[in-house]
Every structure is written in structure tokens, then in C-alpha cells.
Amino acid sequence: MSICKAVIPAAGFGTRMLPAAKAVPKELLPVLDRPVIQYVVEEAAEAGADDVLLITSRQKRAIEDHFDRNDQLEHRLRSAGRESLLASVAELAERVRIHCRRQAEPRGLGHAVLQAQQHVGREPFLCLLGDTIFSGEPAPARQLVEAHARLGTAVIALEQVAPEKVSRYGIVAGDLVAEGTYKLRTLVEKPSPDSAPSRLAIAARYVLTPGIFKHLRAAAPGAGGEIQLTDALRSLLAHEPIHGIVLAARRHDIGNPLDWLATNLIFAARDSAMRRALAPLLRELLESAPTP
């Protein structure tokens, strides 16, 4: 079965990006010429999804507005012959239908995904976190959709992380069944380095089966009353197989100022003209930096 629907949780407060994220959702912070969440929707569309559900909150109406029409702005751009400035959004609107549902209270990623149950019904679906983007090919959503077509199970994106970073992520353990492909045995949310079952971290992208919703409803809230997707996946694993795929692409988290700035520079360096324009400035900054 092909994957036609994608769910993008984007309801979090973005506290690590305050005060910038107080009025502007972190998912709308720009990486070069477009907001982060537009890259995420484009990734879903490239993987074949033509129906995208954004899980937002009452503080994030601006995310919905970004994908909506703005007749006054469009008219002004047409009059000035500058329609190309909105071309990427217009082209995306032609490829996918974008829906929005609000998470009424901040109860964690698992609770946000649960809001999609009625929309996705009994179909497998992509789930892409709205504050993480990738560079490199193949894009994660495409890689996971192809793996799902091959394996017929839920599929989780994985990346190797340094031992000191395992406590930041959900970590999996599994058996290698093909190059870069693991049949999972367990999942643990943010373990200590000493107790982590591996260094394979869950990397912000999933293909989930509709069976996940039963386990999300039954999941016990953890710290802060949040429902963890990792806990529900561990429960699902007792009833159906789940595979993990090591991604070929590189993950970029924009959840804090340093990572956001680094992501902008990395994406800028992919464009030869922009790289040439930035190089003198970066050299100047490095040469003028005070000695530690």
C-alpha cells in the first residue's frame, strides 16, 4: 500500500528558542528563503504524500496562515512582476492538500500524533517532526516509504549518535537483517549512557501503522503529564514487528540558536553563488575573533 497521508506534529512551545519563538513558532524560523516547516512538507510531498495534517496549537495560527492564500500579497507581487517570490509555496499547494488540527493541551508528542487518528483512519502514514530537516539523498521520508513497501511494517528512522548524546533521544536495540535495516527488539526513551541498549537514536521520521493509536490511548503519561510516542511504539512492538532504517541523509535540528545558525550556513554552502558570497565574511569573522 502506498503512503498518501503525512502527519506533522508542530505544537510544542519551542522553549529552547525563546525569546525568538515567543511570537514566531520555531517551525516558521527561516532556513535561507523558507521556513523550516515548508521543507518538512516538501519532503513529505516528494515521498508521495498528497494529504498533510499539521498538528498545531492555538499559539501557532501563523503556521496555518503560511500555507493559506494571501490575495492582497499575491496581487501586489503580480503587479510588480515578482510572483516568483511565492512560487515554492504555490507549487506545494498544487501538490498537497494541507489540513490543520489543534492539540488542545501540551501533552507530548504521542498525544499530538493521537490527534491524527480520525484523519488517517486505517491507513499507514508518514510522521515527520516539524522542527527537524535533512540534507542529502535519499530524503528520509522517501527512504522510509520505500522500506515500508518492502517490509510491510511500521518503520522508524535511525541515526548513530555519540555515547554522551543518547540521553537526548529515544534509543532502539534490534537485529541487523539487511544493510542499514534492523528488526527492533526494544525502544527506550532518553536512557542514561550506562543503560542505553545501543547508540541507534530515533531520528524524527516514521512510517506508522494505524495500530499505534490503540497504544497511544493506553500509554501512561510520563514526566510533565506527557504521552511519549516511544512508549507507545514499545507497546506496539509486542503485537506487530517494527523495523528501523539507518538514514542516508544528515539531520539538522533547529531547536536551539546554535543549531539553527549552523543549519543556515550548511544549507547556504550547498549553493555555489551563496557560498562564494559568504566566504569572505566568514574569513573576516574568524580572523577578527578574539583569542581565547
Protein backbone atom coordinates (compact mmCIF):
# COMPACT_ATOMS: atom_id res chain seq x y z
CA MET A 1 0.00 0.00 0.00
CA SER A 2 1.37 3.42 -0.94
CA ILE A 3 1.62 6.14 1.70
CA CYS A 4 -0.69 9.03 0.83
CA LYS A 5 -1.03 10.79 4.19
CA ALA A 6 1.52 12.57 6.36
CA VAL A 7 1.18 13.93 9.89
CA ILE A 8 3.46 16.73 11.08
CA PRO A 9 3.39 17.47 14.84
CA ALA A 10 4.21 21.16 15.35
CA ALA A 11 2.50 22.13 18.60
CA GLY A 12 5.44 22.44 21.02
CA PHE A 13 6.42 25.68 22.73
CA GLY A 14 9.97 25.78 21.39
CA THR A 15 11.37 26.89 24.75
CA ARG A 16 14.99 26.40 23.67
CA MET A 17 14.46 29.10 21.02
CA LEU A 18 12.98 31.72 23.34
CA PRO A 19 12.53 34.64 23.12
CA ALA A 20 12.61 34.26 19.31
CA ALA A 21 9.88 31.59 19.46
CA LYS A 22 7.56 33.60 21.72
CA ALA A 23 5.66 35.22 18.83
CA VAL A 24 7.05 33.27 15.87
CA PRO A 25 6.69 29.47 16.03
CA LYS A 26 10.09 27.78 15.80
CA GLU A 27 8.81 25.82 12.80
CA LEU A 28 8.49 29.14 10.93
CA LEU A 29 12.05 30.25 11.61
CA PRO A 30 13.77 30.56 8.23
CA VAL A 31 16.48 28.41 6.79
CA LEU A 32 17.58 30.56 3.88
CA ASP A 33 14.48 31.57 1.92
CA ARG A 34 11.77 29.42 3.52
CA PRO A 35 10.57 28.35 6.96
CA VAL A 36 11.61 25.02 8.39
CA ILE A 37 8.12 23.53 8.20
CA GLN A 38 7.93 24.16 4.47
CA TYR A 39 10.99 21.95 3.98
CA VAL A 40 9.20 19.25 6.00
CA VAL A 41 6.02 19.42 3.91
CA GLU A 42 8.11 19.39 0.73
CA GLU A 43 9.86 16.24 1.96
CA ALA A 44 6.51 14.53 2.57
CA ALA A 45 5.27 15.53 -0.88
CA GLU A 46 8.44 14.26 -2.54
CA ALA A 47 7.81 10.89 -0.88
CA GLY A 48 4.35 10.68 -2.47
CA ALA A 49 2.11 12.07 0.29
CA ASP A 50 -0.59 14.33 -1.13
CA ASP A 51 -2.54 14.81 2.12
CA VAL A 52 -0.76 16.53 5.02
CA LEU A 53 -2.15 17.10 8.51
CA LEU A 54 -0.41 19.73 10.65
CA ILE A 55 -0.87 19.29 14.41
CA THR A 56 -0.61 22.82 15.83
CA SER A 57 -1.81 24.75 18.88
CA ARG A 58 -3.74 27.96 19.49
CA GLN A 59 -0.45 29.89 19.71
CA LYS A 60 0.62 28.72 16.25
CA ARG A 61 -2.02 30.03 13.90
CA ALA A 62 0.81 31.54 11.84
CA ILE A 63 1.80 28.04 10.64
CA GLU A 64 -1.65 27.56 9.15
CA ASP A 65 -1.50 31.04 7.62
CA HIS A 66 1.80 30.31 5.88
CA PHE A 67 0.17 27.63 3.72
CA ASP A 68 -3.03 29.63 3.12
CA ARG A 69 -3.68 32.07 0.27
CA ASN A 70 -2.97 35.78 0.78
CA ASP A 71 -4.84 37.50 -2.04
CA GLN A 72 -3.60 41.00 -1.22
CA LEU A 73 0.05 39.95 -1.17
CA GLU A 74 -0.33 37.85 -4.31
CA HIS A 75 -1.94 40.76 -6.17
CA ARG A 76 0.87 43.11 -5.15
CA LEU A 77 3.52 40.64 -6.29
CA ARG A 78 1.78 40.07 -9.63
CA SER A 79 1.56 43.82 -10.18
CA ALA A 80 5.29 44.12 -9.59
CA GLY A 81 6.17 41.06 -11.66
CA ARG A 82 7.56 39.30 -8.60
CA GLU A 83 5.31 36.23 -8.40
CA SER A 84 8.41 34.04 -8.16
CA LEU A 85 8.85 35.07 -4.52
CA LEU A 86 5.91 32.85 -3.55
CA ALA A 87 6.41 30.24 -6.26
CA SER A 88 7.62 27.49 -3.92
CA VAL A 89 4.54 27.80 -1.68
CA ALA A 90 2.16 27.97 -4.66
CA GLU A 91 3.71 24.89 -6.26
CA LEU A 92 3.47 22.99 -2.97
CA ALA A 93 -0.23 23.91 -2.65
CA GLU A 94 -0.81 22.34 -6.08
CA ARG A 95 0.79 19.07 -4.96
CA VAL A 96 -0.72 18.53 -1.50
CA ARG A 97 -3.85 19.25 0.48
CA ILE A 98 -2.91 20.73 3.83
CA HIS A 99 -5.18 20.35 6.84
CA CYS A 100 -4.73 21.57 10.40
CA ARG A 101 -5.84 20.23 13.76
CA ARG A 102 -5.06 21.82 17.09
CA GLN A 103 -3.69 19.97 20.10
CA ALA A 104 -5.80 21.48 22.86
CA GLU A 105 -3.20 20.98 25.61
CA PRO A 106 0.55 20.29 25.53
CA ARG A 107 0.67 16.61 26.44
CA GLY A 108 3.66 15.47 24.42
CA LEU A 109 4.49 14.05 21.01
CA GLY A 110 2.45 10.89 21.48
CA HIS A 111 -0.65 12.91 22.32
CA ALA A 112 -0.06 15.11 19.26
CA VAL A 113 0.10 12.07 16.98
CA LEU A 114 -3.09 10.72 18.59
CA GLN A 115 -4.93 13.80 17.28
CA ALA A 116 -4.47 12.41 13.76
CA GLN A 117 -6.43 9.19 14.29
CA GLN A 118 -9.68 10.29 12.68
CA HIS A 119 -7.86 11.90 9.77
CA VAL A 120 -5.64 8.97 8.79
CA GLY A 121 -8.20 6.26 9.54
CA ARG A 122 -6.91 2.74 8.89
CA GLU A 123 -4.03 3.69 6.60
CA PRO A 124 -0.31 3.63 7.33
CA PHE A 125 1.03 7.17 7.38
CA LEU A 126 4.18 9.21 7.45
CA CYS A 127 5.00 11.14 10.62
CA LEU A 128 7.60 13.91 10.33
CA LEU A 129 8.60 16.16 13.23
CA GLY A 130 8.11 19.78 12.21
CA ASP A 131 11.32 21.18 13.70
CA THR A 132 13.84 18.89 12.02
CA ILE A 133 15.08 18.95 8.42
CA PHE A 134 17.63 16.91 6.49
CA SER A 135 20.21 17.32 3.76
CA GLY A 136 21.42 14.58 1.42
CA GLU A 137 19.78 11.88 -0.66
CA PRO A 138 17.60 9.98 -0.45
CA ALA A 139 15.43 12.15 1.77
CA PRO A 140 14.28 10.30 4.92
CA ALA A 141 10.56 10.21 4.07
CA ARG A 142 11.30 8.63 0.68
CA GLN A 143 13.71 6.14 2.27
CA LEU A 144 11.12 5.10 4.88
CA VAL A 145 8.24 4.83 2.39
CA GLU A 146 10.36 2.55 0.20
CA ALA A 147 11.32 0.46 3.24
CA HIS A 148 7.66 0.15 4.26
CA ALA A 149 6.75 -1.06 0.76
CA ARG A 150 9.47 -3.69 1.09
CA LEU A 151 8.84 -4.77 4.69
CA GLY A 152 5.14 -4.08 5.25
CA THR A 153 5.68 -2.90 8.85
CA ALA A 154 6.00 0.31 10.80
CA VAL A 155 9.42 1.81 10.07
CA ILE A 156 11.46 4.22 12.21
CA ALA A 157 14.32 6.42 11.03
CA LEU A 158 17.59 5.86 12.89
CA GLU A 159 20.97 7.53 13.22
CA GLN A 160 24.10 6.70 15.17
CA VAL A 161 24.81 9.22 17.96
CA ALA A 162 27.74 9.74 20.28
CA PRO A 163 27.50 7.96 23.69
CA GLU A 164 27.18 11.27 25.55
CA LYS A 165 24.12 12.18 23.45
CA VAL A 166 21.97 9.06 23.89
CA SER A 167 20.13 10.61 26.86
CA ARG A 168 18.62 13.20 24.49
CA TYR A 169 16.80 10.70 22.26
CA GLY A 170 14.68 7.61 22.04
CA ILE A 171 17.14 4.72 21.59
CA VAL A 172 16.46 1.33 19.98
CA ALA A 173 18.00 -2.12 20.00
CA GLY A 174 17.47 -4.63 17.24
CA ASP A 175 18.86 -7.32 14.99
CA LEU A 176 20.53 -6.39 11.71
CA VAL A 177 18.54 -8.09 8.92
CA ALA A 178 19.99 -6.22 5.93
CA GLU A 179 22.45 -3.40 5.40
CA GLY A 180 21.16 -0.44 7.45
CA THR A 181 17.96 -2.31 8.40
CA TYR A 182 17.15 -3.54 11.90
CA LYS A 183 14.24 -5.60 13.20
CA LEU A 184 13.63 -3.91 16.52
CA ARG A 185 13.64 -5.65 19.89
CA THR A 186 13.07 -2.68 22.19
CA LEU A 187 12.82 1.12 22.37
CA VAL A 188 13.80 3.26 25.36
CA GLU A 189 13.02 6.97 25.81
CA LYS A 190 16.10 9.05 26.79
CA PRO A 191 18.12 6.39 28.62
CA SER A 192 21.29 7.16 30.55
CA PRO A 193 24.52 6.35 28.68
CA ASP A 194 25.10 3.39 31.00
CA SER A 195 21.66 1.85 30.40
CA ALA A 196 21.21 2.64 26.70
CA PRO A 197 20.70 -0.56 24.66
CA SER A 198 22.64 0.89 21.69
CA ARG A 199 23.66 4.18 20.09
CA LEU A 200 20.90 3.99 17.47
CA ALA A 201 18.71 7.04 18.03
CA ILE A 202 15.23 7.67 16.64
CA ALA A 203 15.63 10.43 14.06
CA ALA A 204 12.38 12.43 13.78
CA ARG A 205 10.81 10.44 10.93
CA TYR A 206 8.42 7.46 10.99
CA VAL A 207 6.05 5.39 8.92
CA LEU A 208 3.40 4.32 11.42
CA THR A 209 0.63 1.76 11.12
CA PRO A 210 -2.89 2.55 12.41
CA GLY A 211 -2.27 0.09 15.27
CA ILE A 212 -0.25 2.82 17.00
CA PHE A 213 -3.40 4.68 18.06
CA LYS A 214 -4.62 1.95 20.41
CA HIS A 215 -1.28 2.04 22.19
CA LEU A 216 -1.17 5.83 22.33
CA ARG A 217 -4.57 5.86 24.04
CA ALA A 218 -3.35 3.29 26.56
CA ALA A 219 0.05 4.91 27.21
CA ALA A 220 0.61 6.13 30.75
CA PRO A 221 1.66 9.80 30.98
CA GLY A 222 5.28 10.34 31.94
CA ALA A 223 7.14 13.39 33.24
CA GLY A 224 5.07 16.55 32.96
CA GLY A 225 1.98 14.52 32.09
CA GLU A 226 3.28 13.92 28.56
CA ILE A 227 2.45 10.87 26.46
CA GLN A 228 5.57 9.57 24.74
CA LEU A 229 5.43 8.15 21.23
CA THR A 230 8.40 5.92 22.07
CA ASP A 231 6.43 4.25 24.90
CA ALA A 232 3.52 3.54 22.56
CA LEU A 233 5.88 2.12 19.93
CA ARG A 234 7.41 -0.21 22.54
CA SER A 235 3.91 -1.43 23.39
CA LEU A 236 3.04 -1.83 19.69
CA LEU A 237 6.21 -3.89 19.21
CA ALA A 238 4.73 -6.62 21.42
CA HIS A 239 1.94 -7.05 18.87
CA GLU A 240 3.50 -6.39 15.47
CA PRO A 241 7.02 -6.10 14.06
CA ILE A 242 8.74 -2.74 13.68
CA HIS A 243 11.85 -2.07 11.64
CA GLY A 244 14.43 0.68 11.89
CA ILE A 245 16.29 2.15 8.93
CA VAL A 246 19.60 3.99 9.27
CA LEU A 247 19.20 7.19 7.28
CA ALA A 248 21.50 8.20 4.44
CA ALA A 249 20.65 11.89 4.92
CA ARG A 250 22.06 14.21 7.59
CA ARG A 251 19.74 15.51 10.29
CA HIS A 252 19.55 19.21 11.20
CA ASP A 253 17.70 20.14 14.40
CA ILE A 254 16.75 23.83 14.63
CA GLY A 255 15.67 23.60 18.27
CA ASN A 256 18.37 25.91 19.66
CA PRO A 257 20.09 29.06 18.31
CA LEU A 258 23.46 27.46 17.57
CA ASP A 259 21.97 24.54 15.62
CA TRP A 260 19.65 26.89 13.74
CA LEU A 261 22.55 29.13 12.71
CA ALA A 262 24.68 26.13 11.71
CA THR A 263 21.83 24.75 9.60
CA ASN A 264 21.53 28.04 7.73
CA LEU A 265 25.25 28.02 6.96
CA ILE A 266 25.22 24.37 5.86
CA PHE A 267 22.29 24.95 3.51
CA ALA A 268 23.84 28.17 2.19
CA ALA A 269 27.08 26.31 1.41
CA ARG A 270 25.16 24.00 -0.94
CA ASP A 271 24.60 26.95 -3.31
CA SER A 272 27.82 27.91 -5.10
CA ALA A 273 26.92 31.60 -5.53
CA MET A 274 25.89 31.97 -1.90
CA ARG A 275 28.99 30.09 -0.75
CA ARG A 276 31.23 32.49 -2.67
CA ALA A 277 29.39 35.47 -1.14
CA LEU A 278 29.67 34.12 2.40
CA ALA A 279 33.29 33.00 2.30
CA PRO A 280 34.88 36.49 2.72
CA LEU A 281 32.54 37.32 5.61
CA LEU A 282 33.29 34.06 7.41
CA ARG A 283 37.04 34.53 6.92
CA GLU A 284 36.78 38.05 8.29
CA LEU A 285 34.81 36.87 11.33
CA LEU A 286 37.33 34.10 12.07
CA GLU A 287 40.35 36.37 11.63
CA SER A 288 38.90 39.08 13.83
CA ALA A 289 37.72 36.73 16.58
CA PRO A 290 39.42 37.44 19.92
CA THR A 291 41.98 34.90 21.09
CA PRO A 292 40.53 32.66 23.84
